[in-house]
N, C-alpha and C. Protein backbone atom coordinates (compact mmCIF):
# COMPACT_ATOMS: atom_id res chain seq x y z
N MET A 1 -63.64 2.82 23.02
CA MET A 1 -63.39 3.97 21.88
C MET A 1 -62.73 5.04 22.66
N ALA A 2 -63.08 5.24 23.87
CA ALA A 2 -62.41 6.28 24.58
C ALA A 2 -60.66 6.30 24.57
N SER A 3 -60.58 4.93 24.78
CA SER A 3 -59.12 4.60 24.76
C SER A 3 -58.45 4.97 23.26
N SER A 4 -59.25 4.67 22.13
CA SER A 4 -58.81 5.09 20.82
C SER A 4 -58.62 6.45 20.67
N VAL A 5 -59.53 7.48 21.29
CA VAL A 5 -59.61 8.95 21.04
C VAL A 5 -58.14 9.27 21.66
N PHE A 6 -57.80 8.86 23.00
CA PHE A 6 -56.58 9.21 23.63
C PHE A 6 -55.31 8.76 22.97
N THR A 7 -55.37 7.36 22.17
CA THR A 7 -54.15 7.03 21.50
C THR A 7 -54.16 7.86 20.29
N ALA A 8 -54.99 8.32 19.64
CA ALA A 8 -54.73 9.01 18.29
C ALA A 8 -54.70 10.29 18.45
N LEU A 9 -54.66 11.00 19.63
CA LEU A 9 -54.25 12.32 20.29
C LEU A 9 -52.84 12.17 20.83
N ASP A 10 -52.15 10.86 20.69
CA ASP A 10 -50.90 10.51 21.63
C ASP A 10 -50.59 11.14 23.28
N LEU A 11 -51.98 10.84 23.88
CA LEU A 11 -52.25 11.10 25.20
C LEU A 11 -52.32 9.84 25.94
N LYS A 12 -51.66 9.99 27.31
CA LYS A 12 -51.89 8.76 28.34
C LYS A 12 -53.29 8.66 28.67
N PRO A 13 -54.13 7.54 28.31
CA PRO A 13 -55.88 7.41 28.78
C PRO A 13 -55.83 7.78 30.27
N GLN A 14 -56.63 8.74 30.47
CA GLN A 14 -57.35 9.24 31.74
C GLN A 14 -58.68 9.00 31.61
N ILE A 15 -59.17 7.98 31.90
CA ILE A 15 -60.59 7.69 31.82
C ILE A 15 -61.16 6.94 33.37
N ASP A 16 -62.43 7.78 33.68
CA ASP A 16 -62.96 7.38 34.96
C ASP A 16 -64.24 6.62 34.62
N PHE A 17 -64.34 5.51 35.29
CA PHE A 17 -65.57 4.95 35.48
C PHE A 17 -66.74 5.65 36.26
N VAL A 18 -67.81 5.87 35.64
CA VAL A 18 -68.90 6.33 36.12
C VAL A 18 -69.90 5.24 36.51
N GLU A 19 -70.37 5.08 37.74
CA GLU A 19 -71.58 4.05 37.64
C GLU A 19 -72.74 4.40 36.97
N ILE A 20 -73.53 3.67 36.55
CA ILE A 20 -74.80 4.05 35.91
C ILE A 20 -75.69 4.19 37.33
N PRO A 21 -76.56 4.89 37.23
CA PRO A 21 -77.65 5.16 38.47
C PRO A 21 -78.43 3.68 38.32
N ALA A 22 -78.63 3.19 39.60
CA ALA A 22 -79.30 2.09 40.01
C ALA A 22 -80.76 1.91 39.38
N ASP A 23 -81.48 3.24 39.04
CA ASP A 23 -82.91 3.36 38.54
C ASP A 23 -82.66 2.90 37.01
N ILE A 24 -81.76 3.05 36.43
CA ILE A 24 -81.71 2.98 34.69
C ILE A 24 -80.92 1.66 34.36
N ARG A 25 -80.20 1.15 35.35
CA ARG A 25 -79.26 -0.22 35.06
C ARG A 25 -79.94 -1.23 34.24
N GLU A 26 -81.05 -1.43 34.49
CA GLU A 26 -81.66 -2.59 33.77
C GLU A 26 -82.13 -2.20 32.25
N LYS A 27 -82.28 -0.91 32.06
CA LYS A 27 -82.35 -0.28 30.78
C LYS A 27 -81.35 0.13 30.05
N TYR A 28 -80.15 0.03 30.54
CA TYR A 28 -78.85 0.44 29.78
C TYR A 28 -78.23 -0.57 29.10
N GLN A 29 -78.09 -0.14 27.80
CA GLN A 29 -77.31 -1.53 26.78
C GLN A 29 -75.95 -1.22 27.09
N TYR A 30 -75.28 -1.83 27.62
CA TYR A 30 -73.69 -1.98 27.90
C TYR A 30 -72.86 -2.53 26.50
N PHE A 31 -73.45 -3.02 25.53
CA PHE A 31 -72.83 -3.73 24.44
C PHE A 31 -73.52 -3.78 23.47
N THR A 32 -73.14 -3.42 22.12
CA THR A 32 -73.78 -3.53 21.16
C THR A 32 -72.81 -4.07 19.99
N LYS A 33 -73.10 -4.92 19.01
CA LYS A 33 -72.60 -5.38 18.10
C LYS A 33 -73.43 -5.63 16.67
N ALA A 34 -73.16 -4.90 15.90
CA ALA A 34 -74.21 -5.34 14.66
C ALA A 34 -73.87 -6.51 14.03
N ASP A 35 -74.93 -7.36 13.51
CA ASP A 35 -74.89 -8.46 12.68
C ASP A 35 -74.62 -8.16 11.37
N MET A 36 -73.35 -8.39 10.96
CA MET A 36 -73.31 -7.82 9.50
C MET A 36 -73.45 -8.83 8.44
N GLN A 37 -74.01 -10.13 8.77
CA GLN A 37 -74.29 -11.26 7.93
C GLN A 37 -75.23 -10.59 6.95
N LYS A 38 -76.27 -9.80 6.98
CA LYS A 38 -77.00 -9.44 5.82
C LYS A 38 -76.45 -8.59 4.71
N VAL A 39 -75.51 -7.75 5.33
CA VAL A 39 -74.81 -7.00 4.42
C VAL A 39 -73.88 -7.76 3.62
N ILE A 40 -72.97 -8.71 4.36
CA ILE A 40 -72.33 -9.45 3.48
C ILE A 40 -72.98 -10.60 2.58
N GLN A 41 -74.43 -10.96 2.77
CA GLN A 41 -75.08 -11.84 2.09
C GLN A 41 -75.74 -11.00 0.92
N ALA A 42 -75.81 -9.66 1.16
CA ALA A 42 -76.09 -8.79 -0.04
C ALA A 42 -75.11 -8.79 -0.99
N GLY A 43 -74.05 -8.95 -0.73
CA GLY A 43 -73.02 -8.85 -1.93
C GLY A 43 -72.06 -7.95 -1.21
N TYR A 44 -71.72 -7.46 -0.21
CA TYR A 44 -70.74 -6.62 0.38
C TYR A 44 -69.33 -7.35 0.15
N THR A 45 -68.49 -6.82 -0.03
CA THR A 45 -67.22 -7.72 -0.17
C THR A 45 -66.02 -7.03 0.28
N ALA A 46 -66.05 -5.66 0.68
CA ALA A 46 -64.89 -4.54 0.79
C ALA A 46 -64.15 -4.73 2.08
N GLY A 47 -64.94 -5.16 2.85
CA GLY A 47 -64.30 -5.48 4.41
C GLY A 47 -64.76 -4.45 5.29
N PHE A 48 -64.28 -4.56 6.42
CA PHE A 48 -64.80 -3.37 7.58
C PHE A 48 -63.55 -2.88 8.34
N THR A 49 -63.90 -1.95 8.53
CA THR A 49 -62.55 -0.93 9.25
C THR A 49 -62.70 -1.45 10.85
N PRO A 50 -61.52 -1.61 11.34
CA PRO A 50 -61.51 -1.79 12.65
C PRO A 50 -62.21 -0.40 13.25
N LEU A 51 -62.54 -0.44 14.79
CA LEU A 51 -62.98 0.66 15.31
C LEU A 51 -61.91 1.43 15.59
N GLU A 52 -60.77 0.95 16.01
CA GLU A 52 -59.75 1.78 16.54
C GLU A 52 -59.02 2.49 15.40
N LEU A 53 -59.31 1.85 14.40
CA LEU A 53 -58.56 2.79 13.15
C LEU A 53 -59.29 3.54 12.45
N ALA A 54 -60.83 3.40 12.94
CA ALA A 54 -61.71 4.46 12.24
C ALA A 54 -61.68 5.95 13.13
N VAL A 55 -61.63 5.28 14.46
CA VAL A 55 -61.63 6.36 15.53
C VAL A 55 -60.21 7.49 15.37
N SER A 56 -59.13 6.73 14.88
CA SER A 56 -57.93 7.29 14.81
C SER A 56 -58.11 8.23 13.59
N ASP A 57 -58.44 7.57 12.71
CA ASP A 57 -58.63 8.54 10.93
C ASP A 57 -59.63 9.79 11.59
N TYR A 58 -60.83 9.58 12.21
CA TYR A 58 -61.70 10.60 12.42
C TYR A 58 -61.05 11.84 13.45
N VAL A 59 -60.44 11.28 14.44
CA VAL A 59 -59.55 12.09 15.18
C VAL A 59 -58.66 13.03 14.66
N LYS A 60 -57.78 12.34 13.79
CA LYS A 60 -56.70 12.87 13.35
C LYS A 60 -57.19 13.67 12.03
N SER A 61 -57.92 13.10 11.50
CA SER A 61 -58.37 13.91 10.00
C SER A 61 -59.50 14.78 10.15
N TYR A 62 -60.18 14.95 11.20
CA TYR A 62 -61.16 15.99 10.96
C TYR A 62 -61.24 16.98 12.26
N LEU A 63 -61.38 16.02 13.64
CA LEU A 63 -61.61 17.02 15.04
C LEU A 63 -60.02 17.28 15.12
N ASN A 64 -58.93 16.82 14.95
CA ASN A 64 -57.82 17.65 15.34
C ASN A 64 -57.19 18.62 14.53
N SER A 65 -57.44 18.42 13.24
CA SER A 65 -57.07 19.28 12.19
C SER A 65 -58.15 20.34 11.86
N HIS A 66 -59.24 20.20 12.69
CA HIS A 66 -60.44 21.28 12.41
C HIS A 66 -60.82 21.46 10.91
N SER A 67 -60.96 20.32 10.68
CA SER A 67 -61.65 20.02 9.16
C SER A 67 -62.84 19.23 9.16
N TYR A 68 -63.80 20.00 9.56
CA TYR A 68 -65.03 19.44 9.92
C TYR A 68 -65.79 19.03 9.01
N TYR A 69 -65.41 19.42 7.59
CA TYR A 69 -66.25 19.16 6.51
C TYR A 69 -65.40 18.52 5.35
């Protein structure tokens, strides 16, 4: 997601990885992905927006334009 923010701002990504402290590593969730099967089974047919496109729209349409509402 961070890469998408840089791309939306037309900036070269400058991302540093920070190690998760050892004492919380086992409790940290590194990856999440919603199972959308129930939504589809309930009749949703409009499709889903890719994360990169959604981040770009949010950054350009709201954050970068200072249009927060």
